[in-house]
Amino acid sequence: MTEGTAETRTSRMVWVAIGVGVVFFALAVVFASRLGMDPSISSSPLVGKSAPTTDIEQMDISGTVNISDFEGDVRIVNFWASWCLGCRTEHAALLQGASAYETFGVTFIAVNYQDSPGNAEAFLDELGRSSVTVYTVDNDSRTAFGYGVLGLPETFFIDRDGIVVGKVSGPLTYALLSATIDQILLGNAVGEIETGEVENR
């Protein structure tokens, strides 16, 4: 083996090592930028637009209710189901929020989605009900379709003018819920927040 051949091979190995390093660095940047993001969650086209106003069956009493029935209120529309673990995680925060913000003209509307009536009732019997929350059942999934629900839980925030001003994908904490409502009451923009992965049945 000549000295020139050895130097050529060494030079090639150095360049290969540099090339591999560059590739790994590029991949690291890509993965780091996506860390904590759920690729199944996409932006809601509803933010900045009027909220859908479909009639929804009420859970506890006969008849229907419509988002527009609460015109002038800030409305929190939460899609949930008994099989959704994230819904179980956030339930206490929703109960607390409904009670804390009732006097501020904030209405909570819970929309049960892709669930059985018995399981939904059992969920509420176990974890508690809010006397000021409007409990509904999306029997034909029209409401969820109108909102573009991708999984559960998902929560939409509607201002006093009926405009969707924010969306949270994943389970809420009370701190996040109250901070978001406070921003809406102050007239500030909210946008979209992802707290974790949503679930599908």
N, C-alpha and C. Protein backbone atom coordinates (compact mmCIF):
# COMPACT_ATOMS: atom_id res chain seq x y z
N MET A 1 0.85 -1.19 0.00
CA MET A 1 0.00 0.00 0.00
C MET A 1 0.89 1.24 0.00
N THR A 2 0.61 2.14 -0.90
CA THR A 2 1.42 3.35 -1.00
C THR A 2 0.90 4.39 -0.03
N GLU A 3 1.78 5.37 0.26
CA GLU A 3 1.40 6.44 1.18
C GLU A 3 0.25 7.26 0.61
N GLY A 4 0.25 7.48 -0.73
CA GLY A 4 -0.81 8.26 -1.36
C GLY A 4 -2.17 7.59 -1.23
N THR A 5 -2.18 6.25 -1.40
CA THR A 5 -3.45 5.51 -1.29
C THR A 5 -4.00 5.60 0.12
N ALA A 6 -3.15 5.48 1.12
CA ALA A 6 -3.59 5.56 2.52
C ALA A 6 -4.16 6.93 2.82
N GLU A 7 -3.51 7.96 2.30
CA GLU A 7 -4.00 9.33 2.54
C GLU A 7 -5.35 9.54 1.86
N THR A 8 -5.51 8.95 0.67
CA THR A 8 -6.78 9.08 -0.05
C THR A 8 -7.91 8.43 0.73
N ARG A 9 -7.64 7.21 1.26
CA ARG A 9 -8.66 6.51 2.04
C ARG A 9 -8.99 7.27 3.32
N THR A 10 -7.99 7.82 3.96
CA THR A 10 -8.21 8.59 5.19
C THR A 10 -9.06 9.82 4.88
N SER A 11 -8.73 10.47 3.77
CA SER A 11 -9.49 11.65 3.37
C SER A 11 -10.95 11.30 3.10
N ARG A 12 -11.19 10.16 2.44
CA ARG A 12 -12.54 9.73 2.16
C ARG A 12 -13.32 9.45 3.45
N MET A 13 -12.65 8.81 4.38
CA MET A 13 -13.30 8.48 5.65
C MET A 13 -13.69 9.75 6.41
N VAL A 14 -12.83 10.76 6.33
CA VAL A 14 -13.13 12.03 7.00
C VAL A 14 -14.37 12.66 6.38
N TRP A 15 -14.42 12.67 5.05
CA TRP A 15 -15.57 13.28 4.37
C TRP A 15 -16.86 12.49 4.62
N VAL A 16 -16.74 11.17 4.65
CA VAL A 16 -17.92 10.34 4.97
C VAL A 16 -18.41 10.66 6.37
N ALA A 17 -17.49 10.77 7.33
CA ALA A 17 -17.87 11.08 8.71
C ALA A 17 -18.54 12.45 8.79
N ILE A 18 -17.99 13.41 8.03
CA ILE A 18 -18.60 14.75 8.02
C ILE A 18 -20.01 14.69 7.43
N GLY A 19 -20.14 13.93 6.34
CA GLY A 19 -21.46 13.80 5.69
C GLY A 19 -22.49 13.16 6.61
N VAL A 20 -22.08 12.10 7.31
CA VAL A 20 -22.99 11.43 8.25
C VAL A 20 -23.38 12.39 9.37
N GLY A 21 -22.39 13.15 9.85
CA GLY A 21 -22.67 14.12 10.91
C GLY A 21 -23.68 15.17 10.49
N VAL A 22 -23.53 15.65 9.25
CA VAL A 22 -24.47 16.65 8.73
C VAL A 22 -25.88 16.08 8.64
N VAL A 23 -26.01 14.83 8.17
CA VAL A 23 -27.32 14.18 8.05
C VAL A 23 -27.96 14.03 9.43
N PHE A 24 -27.19 13.54 10.40
CA PHE A 24 -27.74 13.37 11.76
C PHE A 24 -28.15 14.71 12.36
N PHE A 25 -27.37 15.75 12.10
CA PHE A 25 -27.71 17.09 12.62
C PHE A 25 -29.03 17.57 12.03
N ALA A 26 -29.17 17.37 10.72
CA ALA A 26 -30.41 17.80 10.05
C ALA A 26 -31.62 17.05 10.60
N LEU A 27 -31.46 15.72 10.80
CA LEU A 27 -32.56 14.94 11.36
C LEU A 27 -32.89 15.38 12.78
N ALA A 28 -31.86 15.70 13.56
CA ALA A 28 -32.07 16.14 14.94
C ALA A 28 -32.87 17.44 14.97
N VAL A 29 -32.55 18.35 14.05
CA VAL A 29 -33.28 19.61 13.98
C VAL A 29 -34.75 19.37 13.65
N VAL A 30 -35.01 18.47 12.69
CA VAL A 30 -36.38 18.17 12.29
C VAL A 30 -37.16 17.57 13.44
N PHE A 31 -36.57 16.56 14.11
CA PHE A 31 -37.28 15.91 15.22
C PHE A 31 -37.47 16.85 16.39
N ALA A 32 -36.49 17.69 16.66
CA ALA A 32 -36.61 18.64 17.77
C ALA A 32 -37.73 19.63 17.52
N SER A 33 -37.88 20.04 16.27
CA SER A 33 -38.92 21.01 15.95
C SER A 33 -40.32 20.41 16.08
N ARG A 34 -40.40 19.06 15.98
CA ARG A 34 -41.70 18.40 16.07
C ARG A 34 -41.94 17.77 17.43
N LEU A 35 -40.97 17.88 18.35
CA LEU A 35 -41.08 17.27 19.66
C LEU A 35 -42.30 17.80 20.39
N GLY A 36 -43.12 16.88 20.89
CA GLY A 36 -44.31 17.27 21.64
C GLY A 36 -45.51 17.59 20.78
N MET A 37 -45.36 17.52 19.47
CA MET A 37 -46.48 17.82 18.58
C MET A 37 -47.17 16.53 18.15
N ASP A 38 -48.46 16.54 18.08
CA ASP A 38 -49.22 15.42 17.57
C ASP A 38 -49.50 15.67 16.09
N PRO A 39 -48.89 14.86 15.20
CA PRO A 39 -49.06 15.13 13.77
C PRO A 39 -50.49 14.96 13.28
N SER A 40 -51.37 14.34 14.10
CA SER A 40 -52.75 14.16 13.68
C SER A 40 -53.58 15.41 13.94
N ILE A 41 -53.03 16.37 14.68
CA ILE A 41 -53.77 17.59 15.00
C ILE A 41 -53.45 18.65 13.96
N SER A 42 -54.48 19.17 13.33
CA SER A 42 -54.27 20.25 12.36
C SER A 42 -54.97 21.50 12.85
N SER A 43 -54.63 22.61 12.26
CA SER A 43 -55.23 23.88 12.65
C SER A 43 -56.72 23.88 12.35
N SER A 44 -57.47 24.56 13.21
CA SER A 44 -58.92 24.64 12.99
C SER A 44 -59.23 25.80 12.06
N PRO A 45 -59.93 25.54 10.96
CA PRO A 45 -60.33 26.62 10.06
C PRO A 45 -61.41 27.50 10.66
N LEU A 46 -61.97 27.09 11.80
CA LEU A 46 -63.05 27.86 12.42
C LEU A 46 -62.56 29.09 13.17
N VAL A 47 -61.31 29.05 13.64
CA VAL A 47 -60.81 30.18 14.43
C VAL A 47 -60.90 31.46 13.61
N GLY A 48 -61.60 32.44 14.18
CA GLY A 48 -61.81 33.71 13.49
C GLY A 48 -63.12 33.76 12.72
N LYS A 49 -63.88 32.67 12.75
CA LYS A 49 -65.15 32.61 12.02
C LYS A 49 -66.31 32.37 12.98
N SER A 50 -67.52 32.55 12.49
CA SER A 50 -68.70 32.32 13.31
C SER A 50 -68.82 30.85 13.69
N ALA A 51 -69.23 30.60 14.93
CA ALA A 51 -69.39 29.23 15.40
C ALA A 51 -70.57 28.56 14.73
N PRO A 52 -70.47 27.26 14.43
CA PRO A 52 -71.61 26.53 13.87
C PRO A 52 -72.80 26.60 14.83
N THR A 53 -73.98 26.60 14.28
CA THR A 53 -75.17 26.77 15.10
C THR A 53 -76.17 25.64 14.85
N THR A 54 -75.71 24.41 14.94
CA THR A 54 -76.61 23.26 14.80
C THR A 54 -77.38 23.04 16.09
N ASP A 55 -78.57 22.47 15.97
CA ASP A 55 -79.34 22.09 17.15
C ASP A 55 -78.76 20.80 17.73
N ILE A 56 -78.63 20.74 19.06
CA ILE A 56 -78.07 19.57 19.72
C ILE A 56 -79.07 19.07 20.76
N GLU A 57 -79.25 17.75 20.80
CA GLU A 57 -80.14 17.15 21.79
C GLU A 57 -79.59 17.37 23.20
N GLN A 58 -80.47 17.75 24.11
CA GLN A 58 -80.05 17.90 25.49
C GLN A 58 -79.99 16.53 26.17
N MET A 59 -79.08 16.39 27.10
CA MET A 59 -78.87 15.10 27.74
C MET A 59 -79.86 14.85 28.88
N ASP A 60 -80.07 15.85 29.70
CA ASP A 60 -80.85 15.65 30.93
C ASP A 60 -82.34 15.93 30.77
N ILE A 61 -82.69 16.71 29.77
CA ILE A 61 -84.09 17.04 29.55
C ILE A 61 -84.40 16.91 28.07
N SER A 62 -85.68 16.86 27.74
CA SER A 62 -86.06 16.72 26.33
C SER A 62 -85.87 18.04 25.60
N GLY A 63 -85.75 17.93 24.30
CA GLY A 63 -85.59 19.12 23.49
C GLY A 63 -84.16 19.35 23.04
N THR A 64 -83.98 20.39 22.27
CA THR A 64 -82.66 20.71 21.73
C THR A 64 -82.20 22.07 22.23
N VAL A 65 -80.93 22.31 22.03
CA VAL A 65 -80.33 23.59 22.38
C VAL A 65 -79.40 23.98 21.24
N ASN A 66 -79.17 25.26 21.10
CA ASN A 66 -78.32 25.77 20.03
C ASN A 66 -77.31 26.74 20.63
N ILE A 67 -76.11 26.74 20.08
CA ILE A 67 -75.07 27.66 20.55
C ILE A 67 -75.58 29.11 20.52
N SER A 68 -76.39 29.40 19.52
CA SER A 68 -76.89 30.77 19.36
C SER A 68 -77.90 31.15 20.46
N ASP A 69 -78.40 30.16 21.20
CA ASP A 69 -79.33 30.45 22.30
C ASP A 69 -78.64 31.26 23.40
N PHE A 70 -77.33 31.22 23.43
CA PHE A 70 -76.57 31.89 24.48
C PHE A 70 -75.82 33.11 23.94
N GLU A 71 -76.44 33.74 22.97
CA GLU A 71 -75.87 34.94 22.35
C GLU A 71 -75.55 35.98 23.42
N GLY A 72 -74.39 36.57 23.32
CA GLY A 72 -73.95 37.56 24.30
C GLY A 72 -73.08 36.98 25.39
N ASP A 73 -73.08 35.65 25.54
CA ASP A 73 -72.21 34.99 26.51
C ASP A 73 -70.91 34.55 25.81
N VAL A 74 -69.86 34.41 26.60
CA VAL A 74 -68.70 33.67 26.14
C VAL A 74 -69.08 32.20 26.28
N ARG A 75 -68.86 31.40 25.24
CA ARG A 75 -69.26 30.01 25.27
C ARG A 75 -68.06 29.07 25.15
N ILE A 76 -68.03 28.09 26.04
CA ILE A 76 -66.99 27.08 26.04
C ILE A 76 -67.64 25.77 25.60
N VAL A 77 -67.29 25.30 24.41
CA VAL A 77 -67.89 24.08 23.85
C VAL A 77 -66.87 22.96 23.94
N ASN A 78 -67.17 21.98 24.80
CA ASN A 78 -66.23 20.88 25.07
C ASN A 78 -66.81 19.57 24.55
N PHE A 79 -66.05 18.90 23.67
CA PHE A 79 -66.44 17.60 23.14
C PHE A 79 -65.79 16.52 23.98
N TRP A 80 -66.61 15.56 24.48
CA TRP A 80 -66.11 14.56 25.41
C TRP A 80 -66.83 13.23 25.23
N ALA A 81 -66.30 12.18 25.86
CA ALA A 81 -66.95 10.87 25.86
C ALA A 81 -66.43 10.09 27.07
N SER A 82 -67.19 9.09 27.49
CA SER A 82 -66.80 8.31 28.66
C SER A 82 -65.56 7.46 28.41
N TRP A 83 -65.30 7.09 27.15
CA TRP A 83 -64.15 6.25 26.83
C TRP A 83 -62.85 7.04 26.68
N CYS A 84 -62.95 8.35 26.78
CA CYS A 84 -61.79 9.24 26.56
C CYS A 84 -61.06 9.49 27.89
N LEU A 85 -59.83 9.01 28.00
CA LEU A 85 -59.05 9.18 29.23
C LEU A 85 -58.73 10.66 29.48
N GLY A 86 -58.45 11.40 28.42
CA GLY A 86 -58.16 12.82 28.57
C GLY A 86 -59.37 13.59 29.09
N CYS A 87 -60.56 13.12 28.72
CA CYS A 87 -61.79 13.76 29.21
C CYS A 87 -61.93 13.56 30.71
N ARG A 88 -61.55 12.39 31.17
CA ARG A 88 -61.57 12.11 32.61
C ARG A 88 -60.56 13.01 33.33
N THR A 89 -59.40 13.20 32.72
CA THR A 89 -58.34 14.02 33.31
C THR A 89 -58.79 15.47 33.50
N GLU A 90 -59.50 16.01 32.51
CA GLU A 90 -59.84 17.44 32.53
C GLU A 90 -61.18 17.76 33.18
N HIS A 91 -61.94 16.73 33.54
CA HIS A 91 -63.33 16.95 33.97
C HIS A 91 -63.43 17.88 35.18
N ALA A 92 -62.58 17.69 36.17
CA ALA A 92 -62.64 18.53 37.37
C ALA A 92 -62.38 20.00 37.04
N ALA A 93 -61.47 20.24 36.10
CA ALA A 93 -61.17 21.63 35.69
C ALA A 93 -62.38 22.27 35.04
N LEU A 94 -63.13 21.51 34.25
CA LEU A 94 -64.32 22.04 33.59
C LEU A 94 -65.42 22.34 34.62
N LEU A 95 -65.58 21.47 35.60
CA LEU A 95 -66.55 21.72 36.66
C LEU A 95 -66.21 23.00 37.41
N GLN A 96 -64.93 23.13 37.75
CA GLN A 96 -64.48 24.32 38.48
C GLN A 96 -64.66 25.58 37.65
N GLY A 97 -64.34 25.49 36.36
CA GLY A 97 -64.46 26.65 35.48
C GLY A 97 -65.89 27.10 35.30
N ALA A 98 -66.80 26.15 35.13
CA ALA A 98 -68.22 26.49 34.95
C ALA A 98 -68.75 27.22 36.16
N SER A 99 -68.35 26.77 37.34
CA SER A 99 -68.81 27.42 38.57
C SER A 99 -68.18 28.79 38.77
N ALA A 100 -66.87 28.89 38.50
CA ALA A 100 -66.13 30.13 38.76
C ALA A 100 -66.53 31.27 37.82
N TYR A 101 -66.91 30.93 36.60
CA TYR A 101 -67.16 31.97 35.59
C TYR A 101 -68.64 32.19 35.27
N GLU A 102 -69.53 31.53 36.01
CA GLU A 102 -70.96 31.68 35.74
C GLU A 102 -71.39 33.14 35.83
N THR A 103 -70.92 33.86 36.83
CA THR A 103 -71.35 35.25 37.03
C THR A 103 -70.71 36.22 36.04
N PHE A 104 -69.77 35.74 35.23
CA PHE A 104 -69.12 36.59 34.23
C PHE A 104 -69.75 36.43 32.84
N GLY A 105 -70.88 35.74 32.77
CA GLY A 105 -71.53 35.54 31.47
C GLY A 105 -70.79 34.55 30.60
N VAL A 106 -70.29 33.47 31.24
CA VAL A 106 -69.61 32.41 30.50
C VAL A 106 -70.45 31.14 30.62
N THR A 107 -70.82 30.56 29.49
CA THR A 107 -71.64 29.35 29.47
C THR A 107 -70.82 28.16 28.96
N PHE A 108 -70.84 27.08 29.70
CA PHE A 108 -70.16 25.84 29.32
C PHE A 108 -71.17 24.90 28.68
N ILE A 109 -70.83 24.40 27.50
CA ILE A 109 -71.69 23.45 26.79
C ILE A 109 -70.88 22.18 26.55
N ALA A 110 -71.30 21.10 27.20
CA ALA A 110 -70.61 19.81 27.08
C ALA A 110 -71.31 18.98 26.02
N VAL A 111 -70.56 18.57 25.00
CA VAL A 111 -71.14 17.81 23.89
C VAL A 111 -70.61 16.38 23.94
N ASN A 112 -71.49 15.44 24.30
CA ASN A 112 -71.12 14.02 24.36
C ASN A 112 -71.11 13.46 22.94
N TYR A 113 -70.00 12.79 22.58
CA TYR A 113 -69.74 12.43 21.19
C TYR A 113 -69.34 10.96 21.09
N GLN A 114 -70.01 10.23 20.18
CA GLN A 114 -69.71 8.82 19.92
C GLN A 114 -69.65 8.01 21.20
N ASP A 115 -70.73 8.08 21.96
CA ASP A 115 -70.79 7.43 23.26
C ASP A 115 -72.15 6.77 23.40
N SER A 116 -72.32 5.94 24.42
CA SER A 116 -73.63 5.37 24.72
C SER A 116 -74.24 6.16 25.87
N PRO A 117 -75.56 6.32 25.87
CA PRO A 117 -76.21 7.10 26.93
C PRO A 117 -75.88 6.59 28.33
N GLY A 118 -75.88 5.26 28.50
CA GLY A 118 -75.60 4.69 29.81
C GLY A 118 -74.20 4.99 30.29
N ASN A 119 -73.21 4.86 29.41
CA ASN A 119 -71.83 5.13 29.79
C ASN A 119 -71.60 6.61 30.07
N ALA A 120 -72.26 7.47 29.30
CA ALA A 120 -72.13 8.91 29.51
C ALA A 120 -72.71 9.30 30.87
N GLU A 121 -73.87 8.75 31.20
CA GLU A 121 -74.50 9.04 32.49
C GLU A 121 -73.64 8.52 33.64
N ALA A 122 -73.08 7.32 33.47
CA ALA A 122 -72.23 6.74 34.51
C ALA A 122 -70.98 7.59 34.74
N PHE A 123 -70.42 8.12 33.66
CA PHE A 123 -69.25 9.00 33.74
C PHE A 123 -69.57 10.22 34.61
N LEU A 124 -70.72 10.86 34.34
CA LEU A 124 -71.10 12.05 35.09
C LEU A 124 -71.49 11.72 36.52
N ASP A 125 -72.11 10.56 36.73
CA ASP A 125 -72.47 10.15 38.09
C ASP A 125 -71.22 9.94 38.93
N GLU A 126 -70.18 9.40 38.30
CA GLU A 126 -68.93 9.12 39.02
C GLU A 126 -68.11 10.38 39.28
N LEU A 127 -67.95 11.22 38.25
CA LEU A 127 -67.03 12.36 38.35
C LEU A 127 -67.71 13.67 38.71
N GLY A 128 -69.03 13.69 38.62
CA GLY A 128 -69.76 14.89 39.03
C GLY A 128 -70.33 15.67 37.86
N ARG A 129 -71.40 16.40 38.16
CA ARG A 129 -72.06 17.25 37.18
C ARG A 129 -72.01 18.69 37.65
N SER A 130 -72.08 19.58 36.70
CA SER A 130 -72.17 21.01 37.02
C SER A 130 -73.61 21.45 36.79
N SER A 131 -74.17 22.11 37.79
CA SER A 131 -75.57 22.56 37.67
C SER A 131 -75.71 23.70 36.66
N VAL A 132 -74.59 24.31 36.26
CA VAL A 132 -74.65 25.43 35.32
C VAL A 132 -74.11 25.08 33.94
N THR A 133 -73.74 23.81 33.74
CA THR A 133 -73.26 23.36 32.43
C THR A 133 -74.44 22.81 31.63
N VAL A 134 -74.45 23.09 30.33
CA VAL A 134 -75.49 22.56 29.44
C VAL A 134 -74.95 21.25 28.86
N TYR A 135 -75.54 20.13 29.26
CA TYR A 135 -75.10 18.82 28.79
C TYR A 135 -75.93 18.40 27.57
N THR A 136 -75.22 18.07 26.50
CA THR A 136 -75.89 17.70 25.24
C THR A 136 -75.32 16.40 24.69
N VAL A 137 -76.03 15.84 23.72
CA VAL A 137 -75.60 14.60 23.07
C VAL A 137 -75.61 14.81 21.57
N ASP A 138 -74.47 14.56 20.94
CA ASP A 138 -74.34 14.74 19.49
C ASP A 138 -74.65 13.41 18.81
N ASN A 139 -75.93 13.05 18.80
CA ASN A 139 -76.33 11.71 18.34
C ASN A 139 -75.91 11.40 16.91
N ASP A 140 -76.03 12.36 16.01
CA ASP A 140 -75.73 12.10 14.61
C ASP A 140 -74.36 12.65 14.19
N SER A 141 -73.59 13.14 15.17
CA SER A 141 -72.23 13.67 14.93
C SER A 141 -72.21 14.91 14.06
N ARG A 142 -73.37 15.53 13.82
CA ARG A 142 -73.40 16.73 12.97
C ARG A 142 -72.65 17.89 13.60
N THR A 143 -72.78 18.02 14.91
CA THR A 143 -72.11 19.13 15.59
C THR A 143 -70.60 18.95 15.54
N ALA A 144 -70.13 17.75 15.84
CA ALA A 144 -68.69 17.47 15.78
C ALA A 144 -68.15 17.68 14.38
N PHE A 145 -68.93 17.26 13.39
CA PHE A 145 -68.51 17.45 11.99
C PHE A 145 -68.40 18.94 11.68
N GLY A 146 -69.38 19.71 12.14
CA GLY A 146 -69.36 21.14 11.89
C GLY A 146 -68.17 21.84 12.50
N TYR A 147 -67.72 21.33 13.64
CA TYR A 147 -66.56 21.92 14.31
C TYR A 147 -65.24 21.32 13.83
N GLY A 148 -65.32 20.27 13.04
CA GLY A 148 -64.11 19.63 12.55
C GLY A 148 -63.35 18.90 13.63
N VAL A 149 -64.08 18.26 14.54
CA VAL A 149 -63.44 17.54 15.64
C VAL A 149 -62.62 16.38 15.10
N LEU A 150 -61.37 16.31 15.55
CA LEU A 150 -60.45 15.27 15.09
C LEU A 150 -60.28 14.15 16.11
N GLY A 151 -60.59 14.43 17.35
CA GLY A 151 -60.44 13.47 18.43
C GLY A 151 -60.86 14.13 19.73
N LEU A 152 -60.82 13.38 20.80
CA LEU A 152 -61.26 13.91 22.09
C LEU A 152 -60.12 13.91 23.11
N PRO A 153 -60.16 14.87 24.04
CA PRO A 153 -61.09 15.99 24.12
C PRO A 153 -60.65 17.16 23.23
N GLU A 154 -61.63 17.92 22.78
CA GLU A 154 -61.36 19.18 22.10
C GLU A 154 -62.32 20.23 22.65
N THR A 155 -61.79 21.42 22.86
CA THR A 155 -62.58 22.50 23.45
C THR A 155 -62.46 23.75 22.59
N PHE A 156 -63.61 24.33 22.26
CA PHE A 156 -63.66 25.53 21.45
C PHE A 156 -64.14 26.70 22.30
N PHE A 157 -63.52 27.86 22.09
CA PHE A 157 -63.85 29.06 22.84
C PHE A 157 -64.50 30.07 21.89
N ILE A 158 -65.69 30.50 22.26
CA ILE A 158 -66.49 31.39 21.41
C ILE A 158 -66.73 32.69 22.16
N ASP A 159 -66.46 33.82 21.51
CA ASP A 159 -66.60 35.10 22.21
C ASP A 159 -68.07 35.56 22.21
N ARG A 160 -68.32 36.72 22.79
CA ARG A 160 -69.69 37.20 22.95
C ARG A 160 -70.37 37.50 21.62
N ASP A 161 -69.57 37.67 20.57
CA ASP A 161 -70.13 37.94 19.23
C ASP A 161 -70.36 36.66 18.43
N GLY A 162 -70.12 35.50 19.04
CA GLY A 162 -70.34 34.24 18.34
C GLY A 162 -69.19 33.81 17.45
N ILE A 163 -68.02 34.40 17.64
CA ILE A 163 -66.83 34.06 16.84
C ILE A 163 -65.96 33.07 17.60
N VAL A 164 -65.53 32.02 16.91
CA VAL A 164 -64.59 31.07 17.51
C VAL A 164 -63.23 31.75 17.62
N VAL A 165 -62.78 31.96 18.84
CA VAL A 165 -61.52 32.69 19.03
C VAL A 165 -60.40 31.80 19.54
N GLY A 166 -60.70 30.56 19.86
CA GLY A 166 -59.64 29.67 20.34
C GLY A 166 -60.07 28.23 20.35
N LYS A 167 -59.07 27.36 20.35
CA LYS A 167 -59.32 25.92 20.39
C LYS A 167 -58.18 25.26 21.17
N VAL A 168 -58.55 24.33 22.05
CA VAL A 168 -57.54 23.54 22.75
C VAL A 168 -57.74 22.08 22.38
N SER A 169 -56.71 21.45 21.89
CA SER A 169 -56.71 20.01 21.60
C SER A 169 -55.98 19.29 22.72
N GLY A 170 -56.66 18.34 23.34
CA GLY A 170 -56.07 17.64 24.47
C GLY A 170 -56.69 18.11 25.77
N PRO A 171 -56.35 17.44 26.87
CA PRO A 171 -56.99 17.76 28.15
C PRO A 171 -56.59 19.13 28.69
N LEU A 172 -57.58 19.82 29.24
CA LEU A 172 -57.38 21.14 29.85
C LEU A 172 -56.98 21.01 31.31
N THR A 173 -56.20 21.95 31.78
CA THR A 173 -56.02 22.15 33.21
C THR A 173 -56.83 23.38 33.58
N TYR A 174 -57.11 23.54 34.88
CA TYR A 174 -57.87 24.72 35.27
C TYR A 174 -57.05 25.99 35.00
N ALA A 175 -55.74 25.92 35.20
CA ALA A 175 -54.90 27.10 34.96
C ALA A 175 -55.00 27.54 33.51
N LEU A 176 -54.94 26.59 32.58
CA LEU A 176 -55.04 26.92 31.16
C LEU A 176 -56.45 27.42 30.82
N LEU A 177 -57.46 26.74 31.35
CA LEU A 177 -58.84 27.12 31.09
C LEU A 177 -59.12 28.54 31.56
N SER A 178 -58.76 28.83 32.80
CA SER A 178 -59.06 30.16 33.36
C SER A 178 -58.25 31.25 32.66
N ALA A 179 -57.00 30.95 32.32
CA ALA A 179 -56.17 31.94 31.63
C ALA A 179 -56.75 32.25 30.25
N THR A 180 -57.25 31.24 29.57
CA THR A 180 -57.83 31.43 28.24
C THR A 180 -59.11 32.25 28.33
N ILE A 181 -59.97 31.90 29.28
CA ILE A 181 -61.21 32.65 29.44
C ILE A 181 -60.92 34.11 29.81
N ASP A 182 -59.95 34.31 30.69
CA ASP A 182 -59.58 35.67 31.08
C ASP A 182 -59.17 36.50 29.87
N GLN A 183 -58.39 35.90 28.98
CA GLN A 183 -57.95 36.61 27.78
C GLN A 183 -59.14 36.99 26.90
N ILE A 184 -60.11 36.08 26.79
CA ILE A 184 -61.30 36.37 25.99
C ILE A 184 -62.12 37.49 26.62
N LEU A 185 -62.28 37.44 27.94
CA LEU A 185 -63.03 38.48 28.63
C LEU A 185 -62.37 39.85 28.48
N LEU A 186 -61.05 39.84 28.33
CA LEU A 186 -60.31 41.09 28.13
C LEU A 186 -60.30 41.52 26.67
N GLY A 187 -60.83 40.68 25.79
CA GLY A 187 -60.88 41.01 24.37
C GLY A 187 -59.61 40.68 23.62
N ASN A 188 -58.77 39.82 24.20
CA ASN A 188 -57.50 39.47 23.56
C ASN A 188 -57.64 38.20 22.72
N ALA A 189 -56.75 38.04 21.75
CA ALA A 189 -56.75 36.85 20.90
C ALA A 189 -56.23 35.66 21.69
N VAL A 190 -56.70 34.48 21.31
CA VAL A 190 -56.29 33.25 22.00
C VAL A 190 -55.54 32.33 21.05
N GLY A 191 -56.16 31.99 19.93
CA GLY A 191 -55.51 31.10 18.96
C GLY A 191 -55.72 29.64 19.30
N GLU A 192 -54.72 28.81 19.00
CA GLU A 192 -54.84 27.36 19.20
C GLU A 192 -53.74 26.85 20.09
N ILE A 193 -54.11 25.91 20.96
CA ILE A 193 -53.18 25.36 21.94
C ILE A 193 -53.30 23.85 21.90
N GLU A 194 -52.18 23.15 21.93
CA GLU A 194 -52.19 21.70 22.01
C GLU A 194 -51.59 21.29 23.35
N THR A 195 -52.37 20.57 24.16
CA THR A 195 -51.88 20.14 25.46
C THR A 195 -51.47 18.68 25.46
N GLY A 196 -51.76 17.97 24.42
CA GLY A 196 -51.45 16.54 24.36
C GLY A 196 -52.21 15.90 23.22
N GLU A 197 -52.04 14.61 23.09
CA GLU A 197 -52.70 13.90 22.00
C GLU A 197 -54.19 13.77 22.26
N VAL A 198 -54.95 13.83 21.20
CA VAL A 198 -56.39 13.57 21.29
C VAL A 198 -56.62 12.09 21.00
N GLU A 199 -57.79 11.59 21.42
CA GLU A 199 -58.10 10.18 21.27
C GLU A 199 -59.24 9.98 20.28
N ASN A 200 -59.20 8.84 19.59
CA ASN A 200 -60.29 8.45 18.69
C ASN A 200 -60.77 7.07 19.08
N ARG A 201 -62.03 6.85 18.85
CA ARG A 201 -62.60 5.55 19.22
C ARG A 201 -62.39 4.55 18.10
